[in-house]
Amino acid sequence: GVAVYVDVSGSMHSTLPKVLSVIS
């Protein structure tokens, strides 16, 4: 399989909602 790693560090805080919607 392919492992998907999402950066959840502090610098990603403002963009996480967009990333999470794409993953969803």
PDB file of all heavy atoms in Angstrom:
ATOM      1  N   GLY A   1       0.813  -1.209   0.000  1.00  0.00           N
ATOM      2  CA  GLY A   1       0.000   0.000   0.000  1.00  0.00           C
ATOM      3  C   GLY A   1       0.845   1.257   0.000  1.00  0.00           C
ATOM      4  O   GLY A   1       2.061   1.227   0.083  1.00  0.00           O
ATOM      5  N   VAL A   2       0.167   2.366  -0.100  1.00  0.00           N
ATOM      6  CA  VAL A   2       0.824   3.664  -0.059  1.00  0.00           C
ATOM      7  C   VAL A   2       0.517   4.296   1.295  1.00  0.00           C
ATOM      8  O   VAL A   2      -0.632   4.355   1.708  1.00  0.00           O
ATOM      9  CB  VAL A   2       0.309   4.577  -1.197  1.00  0.00           C
ATOM     10  CG1 VAL A   2       0.911   5.962  -1.084  1.00  0.00           C
ATOM     11  CG2 VAL A   2       0.616   3.964  -2.551  1.00  0.00           C
ATOM     12  N   ALA A   3       1.537   4.743   1.971  1.00  0.00           N
ATOM     13  CA  ALA A   3       1.361   5.412   3.255  1.00  0.00           C
ATOM     14  C   ALA A   3       1.239   6.908   3.014  1.00  0.00           C
ATOM     15  O   ALA A   3       2.065   7.500   2.315  1.00  0.00           O
ATOM     16  CB  ALA A   3       2.534   5.123   4.184  1.00  0.00           C
ATOM     17  N   VAL A   4       0.200   7.514   3.576  1.00  0.00           N
ATOM     18  CA  VAL A   4      -0.028   8.951   3.423  1.00  0.00           C
ATOM     19  C   VAL A   4       0.314   9.629   4.743  1.00  0.00           C
ATOM     20  O   VAL A   4      -0.272   9.304   5.785  1.00  0.00           O
ATOM     21  CB  VAL A   4      -1.492   9.242   3.026  1.00  0.00           C
ATOM     22  CG1 VAL A   4      -1.726  10.741   2.929  1.00  0.00           C
ATOM     23  CG2 VAL A   4      -1.840   8.555   1.711  1.00  0.00           C
ATOM     24  N   TYR A   5       1.269  10.554   4.698  1.00  0.00           N
ATOM     25  CA  TYR A   5       1.716  11.282   5.883  1.00  0.00           C
ATOM     26  C   TYR A   5       1.307  12.745   5.751  1.00  0.00           C
ATOM     27  O   TYR A   5       1.646  13.398   4.775  1.00  0.00           O
ATOM     28  CB  TYR A   5       3.233  11.188   6.034  1.00  0.00           C
ATOM     29  CG  TYR A   5       3.721   9.783   6.311  1.00  0.00           C
ATOM     30  CD1 TYR A   5       4.097   8.946   5.267  1.00  0.00           C
ATOM     31  CD2 TYR A   5       3.793   9.288   7.600  1.00  0.00           C
ATOM     32  CE1 TYR A   5       4.539   7.657   5.512  1.00  0.00           C
ATOM     33  CE2 TYR A   5       4.233   7.994   7.854  1.00  0.00           C
ATOM     34  CZ  TYR A   5       4.608   7.192   6.801  1.00  0.00           C
ATOM     35  OH  TYR A   5       5.038   5.912   7.048  1.00  0.00           O
ATOM     36  N   VAL A   6       0.597  13.248   6.752  1.00  0.00           N
ATOM     37  CA  VAL A   6       0.130  14.635   6.744  1.00  0.00           C
ATOM     38  C   VAL A   6       0.854  15.407   7.846  1.00  0.00           C
ATOM     39  O   VAL A   6       0.831  15.012   9.016  1.00  0.00           O
ATOM     40  CB  VAL A   6      -1.395  14.709   6.974  1.00  0.00           C
ATOM     41  CG1 VAL A   6      -1.860  16.154   7.015  1.00  0.00           C
ATOM     42  CG2 VAL A   6      -2.129  13.945   5.889  1.00  0.00           C
ATOM     43  N   ASP A   7       1.478  16.492   7.463  1.00  0.00           N
ATOM     44  CA  ASP A   7       2.176  17.378   8.387  1.00  0.00           C
ATOM     45  C   ASP A   7       1.143  18.117   9.240  1.00  0.00           C
ATOM     46  O   ASP A   7       0.292  18.827   8.711  1.00  0.00           O
ATOM     47  CB  ASP A   7       3.009  18.366   7.576  1.00  0.00           C
ATOM     48  CG  ASP A   7       3.883  19.288   8.405  1.00  0.00           C
ATOM     49  OD1 ASP A   7       3.688  19.361   9.639  1.00  0.00           O
ATOM     50  OD2 ASP A   7       4.746  19.954   7.809  1.00  0.00           O
ATOM     51  N   VAL A   8       1.207  17.928  10.557  1.00  0.00           N
ATOM     52  CA  VAL A   8       0.277  18.607  11.463  1.00  0.00           C
ATOM     53  C   VAL A   8       1.040  19.520  12.422  1.00  0.00           C
ATOM     54  O   VAL A   8       0.583  19.830  13.516  1.00  0.00           O
ATOM     55  CB  VAL A   8      -0.612  17.594  12.244  1.00  0.00           C
ATOM     56  CG1 VAL A   8      -1.563  16.893  11.309  1.00  0.00           C
ATOM     57  CG2 VAL A   8       0.223  16.595  13.026  1.00  0.00           C
ATOM     58  N   SER A   9       2.201  20.002  11.974  1.00  0.00           N
ATOM     59  CA  SER A   9       3.018  20.882  12.809  1.00  0.00           C
ATOM     60  C   SER A   9       2.390  22.265  12.888  1.00  0.00           C
ATOM     61  O   SER A   9       1.422  22.572  12.191  1.00  0.00           O
ATOM     62  CB  SER A   9       4.433  20.975  12.231  1.00  0.00           C
ATOM     63  OG  SER A   9       4.399  21.607  10.971  1.00  0.00           O
ATOM     64  N   GLY A  10       2.963  23.102  13.706  1.00  0.00           N
ATOM     65  CA  GLY A  10       2.449  24.452  13.909  1.00  0.00           C
ATOM     66  C   GLY A  10       2.369  25.287  12.648  1.00  0.00           C
ATOM     67  O   GLY A  10       1.424  26.059  12.461  1.00  0.00           O
ATOM     68  N   SER A  11       3.339  25.135  11.740  1.00  0.00           N
ATOM     69  CA  SER A  11       3.337  25.943  10.508  1.00  0.00           C
ATOM     70  C   SER A  11       2.214  25.561   9.550  1.00  0.00           C
ATOM     71  O   SER A  11       1.905  26.294   8.625  1.00  0.00           O
ATOM     72  CB  SER A  11       4.682  25.811   9.785  1.00  0.00           C
ATOM     73  OG  SER A  11       4.906  24.478   9.376  1.00  0.00           O
ATOM     74  N   MET A  12       1.589  24.430   9.776  1.00  0.00           N
ATOM     75  CA  MET A  12       0.508  23.959   8.907  1.00  0.00           C
ATOM     76  C   MET A  12      -0.876  24.305   9.465  1.00  0.00           C
ATOM     77  O   MET A  12      -1.889  24.043   8.825  1.00  0.00           O
ATOM     78  CB  MET A  12       0.602  22.435   8.746  1.00  0.00           C
ATOM     79  CG  MET A  12       1.798  21.969   7.962  1.00  0.00           C
ATOM     80  SD  MET A  12       1.604  22.255   6.216  1.00  0.00           S
ATOM     81  CE  MET A  12       0.294  21.105   5.843  1.00  0.00           C
ATOM     82  N   HIS A  13      -0.908  24.902  10.641  1.00  0.00           N
ATOM     83  CA  HIS A  13      -2.173  25.130  11.344  1.00  0.00           C
ATOM     84  C   HIS A  13      -3.230  25.829  10.480  1.00  0.00           C
ATOM     85  O   HIS A  13      -4.381  25.406  10.424  1.00  0.00           O
ATOM     86  CB  HIS A  13      -1.931  25.919  12.634  1.00  0.00           C
ATOM     87  CG  HIS A  13      -3.162  26.152  13.428  1.00  0.00           C
ATOM     88  ND1 HIS A  13      -3.793  25.152  14.136  1.00  0.00           N
ATOM     89  CD2 HIS A  13      -3.904  27.263  13.601  1.00  0.00           C
ATOM     90  CE1 HIS A  13      -4.862  25.648  14.717  1.00  0.00           C
ATOM     91  NE2 HIS A  13      -4.959  26.928  14.421  1.00  0.00           N
ATOM     92  N   SER A  14      -2.846  26.880   9.777  1.00  0.00           N
ATOM     93  CA  SER A  14      -3.838  27.641   9.005  1.00  0.00           C
ATOM     94  C   SER A  14      -4.313  26.913   7.747  1.00  0.00           C
ATOM     95  O   SER A  14      -5.395  27.191   7.237  1.00  0.00           O
ATOM     96  CB  SER A  14      -3.285  29.017   8.636  1.00  0.00           C
ATOM     97  OG  SER A  14      -2.177  28.879   7.782  1.00  0.00           O
ATOM     98  N   THR A  15      -3.519  25.986   7.227  1.00  0.00           N
ATOM     99  CA  THR A  15      -3.893  25.287   5.996  1.00  0.00           C
ATOM    100  C   THR A  15      -4.470  23.892   6.233  1.00  0.00           C
ATOM    101  O   THR A  15      -4.939  23.260   5.292  1.00  0.00           O
ATOM    102  CB  THR A  15      -2.679  25.164   5.058  1.00  0.00           C
ATOM    103  OG1 THR A  15      -1.634  24.469   5.744  1.00  0.00           O
ATOM    104  CG2 THR A  15      -2.201  26.513   4.609  1.00  0.00           C
ATOM    105  N   LEU A  16      -4.453  23.422   7.466  1.00  0.00           N
ATOM    106  CA  LEU A  16      -4.958  22.075   7.748  1.00  0.00           C
ATOM    107  C   LEU A  16      -6.414  21.855   7.343  1.00  0.00           C
ATOM    108  O   LEU A  16      -6.732  20.781   6.833  1.00  0.00           O
ATOM    109  CB  LEU A  16      -4.752  21.706   9.217  1.00  0.00           C
ATOM    110  CG  LEU A  16      -3.395  21.112   9.543  1.00  0.00           C
ATOM    111  CD1 LEU A  16      -3.266  20.851  11.032  1.00  0.00           C
ATOM    112  CD2 LEU A  16      -3.132  19.850   8.759  1.00  0.00           C
ATOM    113  N   PRO A  17      -7.318  22.806   7.530  1.00  0.00           N
ATOM    114  CA  PRO A  17      -8.697  22.547   7.096  1.00  0.00           C
ATOM    115  C   PRO A  17      -8.799  22.196   5.602  1.00  0.00           C
ATOM    116  O   PRO A  17      -9.536  21.289   5.223  1.00  0.00           O
ATOM    117  CB  PRO A  17      -9.424  23.864   7.403  1.00  0.00           C
ATOM    118  CG  PRO A  17      -8.652  24.447   8.535  1.00  0.00           C
ATOM    119  CD  PRO A  17      -7.220  24.076   8.265  1.00  0.00           C
ATOM    120  N   LYS A  18      -8.029  22.882   4.775  1.00  0.00           N
ATOM    121  CA  LYS A  18      -8.037  22.586   3.337  1.00  0.00           C
ATOM    122  C   LYS A  18      -7.465  21.196   3.069  1.00  0.00           C
ATOM    123  O   LYS A  18      -8.017  20.419   2.285  1.00  0.00           O
ATOM    124  CB  LYS A  18      -7.234  23.647   2.587  1.00  0.00           C
ATOM    125  CG  LYS A  18      -7.244  23.466   1.098  1.00  0.00           C
ATOM    126  CD  LYS A  18      -6.483  24.592   0.436  1.00  0.00           C
ATOM    127  CE  LYS A  18      -6.531  24.463  -1.072  1.00  0.00           C
ATOM    128  NZ  LYS A  18      -5.845  25.566  -1.736  1.00  0.00           N
ATOM    129  N   VAL A  19      -6.350  20.874   3.720  1.00  0.00           N
ATOM    130  CA  VAL A  19      -5.718  19.566   3.559  1.00  0.00           C
ATOM    131  C   VAL A  19      -6.667  18.463   4.011  1.00  0.00           C
ATOM    132  O   VAL A  19      -6.844  17.452   3.325  1.00  0.00           O
ATOM    133  CB  VAL A  19      -4.390  19.492   4.349  1.00  0.00           C
ATOM    134  CG1 VAL A  19      -3.846  18.079   4.366  1.00  0.00           C
ATOM    135  CG2 VAL A  19      -3.378  20.464   3.777  1.00  0.00           C
ATOM    136  N   LEU A  20      -7.291  18.666   5.150  1.00  0.00           N
ATOM    137  CA  LEU A  20      -8.196  17.650   5.689  1.00  0.00           C
ATOM    138  C   LEU A  20      -9.424  17.463   4.812  1.00  0.00           C
ATOM    139  O   LEU A  20      -9.936  16.345   4.678  1.00  0.00           O
ATOM    140  CB  LEU A  20      -8.589  18.004   7.118  1.00  0.00           C
ATOM    141  CG  LEU A  20      -7.422  18.054   8.112  1.00  0.00           C
ATOM    142  CD1 LEU A  20      -7.904  18.475   9.491  1.00  0.00           C
ATOM    143  CD2 LEU A  20      -6.694  16.724   8.188  1.00  0.00           C
ATOM    144  N   SER A  21      -9.897  18.522   4.180  1.00  0.00           N
ATOM    145  CA  SER A  21     -11.051  18.364   3.282  1.00  0.00           C
ATOM    146  C   SER A  21     -10.668  17.572   2.038  1.00  0.00           C
ATOM    147  O   SER A  21     -11.465  16.783   1.532  1.00  0.00           O
ATOM    148  CB  SER A  21     -11.640  19.721   2.906  1.00  0.00           C
ATOM    149  OG  SER A  21     -10.775  20.430   2.067  1.00  0.00           O
ATOM    150  N   VAL A  22      -9.455  17.754   1.542  1.00  0.00           N
ATOM    151  CA  VAL A  22      -8.984  16.976   0.388  1.00  0.00           C
ATOM    152  C   VAL A  22      -8.853  15.506   0.779  1.00  0.00           C
ATOM    153  O   VAL A  22      -9.298  14.616   0.046  1.00  0.00           O
ATOM    154  CB  VAL A  22      -7.638  17.522  -0.142  1.00  0.00           C
ATOM    155  CG1 VAL A  22      -7.025  16.572  -1.152  1.00  0.00           C
ATOM    156  CG2 VAL A  22      -7.830  18.892  -0.750  1.00  0.00           C
ATOM    157  N   ILE A  23      -8.287  15.244   1.937  1.00  0.00           N
ATOM    158  CA  ILE A  23      -8.149  13.864   2.404  1.00  0.00           C
ATOM    159  C   ILE A  23      -9.513  13.229   2.588  1.00  0.00           C
ATOM    160  O   ILE A  23      -9.741  12.080   2.217  1.00  0.00           O
ATOM    161  CB  ILE A  23      -7.323  13.819   3.703  1.00  0.00           C
ATOM    162  CG1 ILE A  23      -5.865  14.136   3.380  1.00  0.00           C
ATOM    163  CG2 ILE A  23      -7.436  12.461   4.378  1.00  0.00           C
ATOM    164  CD1 ILE A  23      -4.992  14.307   4.564  1.00  0.00           C
ATOM    165  N   SER A  24     -10.435  13.971   3.134  1.00  0.00           N
ATOM    166  CA  SER A  24     -11.793  13.470   3.339  1.00  0.00           C
ATOM    167  C   SER A  24     -12.454  13.093   2.018  1.00  0.00           C
ATOM    168  O   SER A  24     -13.171  12.096   1.936  1.00  0.00           O
ATOM    169  CB  SER A  24     -12.625  14.523   4.061  1.00  0.00           C
ATOM    170  OG  SER A  24     -13.926  14.057   4.262  1.00  0.00           O
TER     171      SER A  24
END
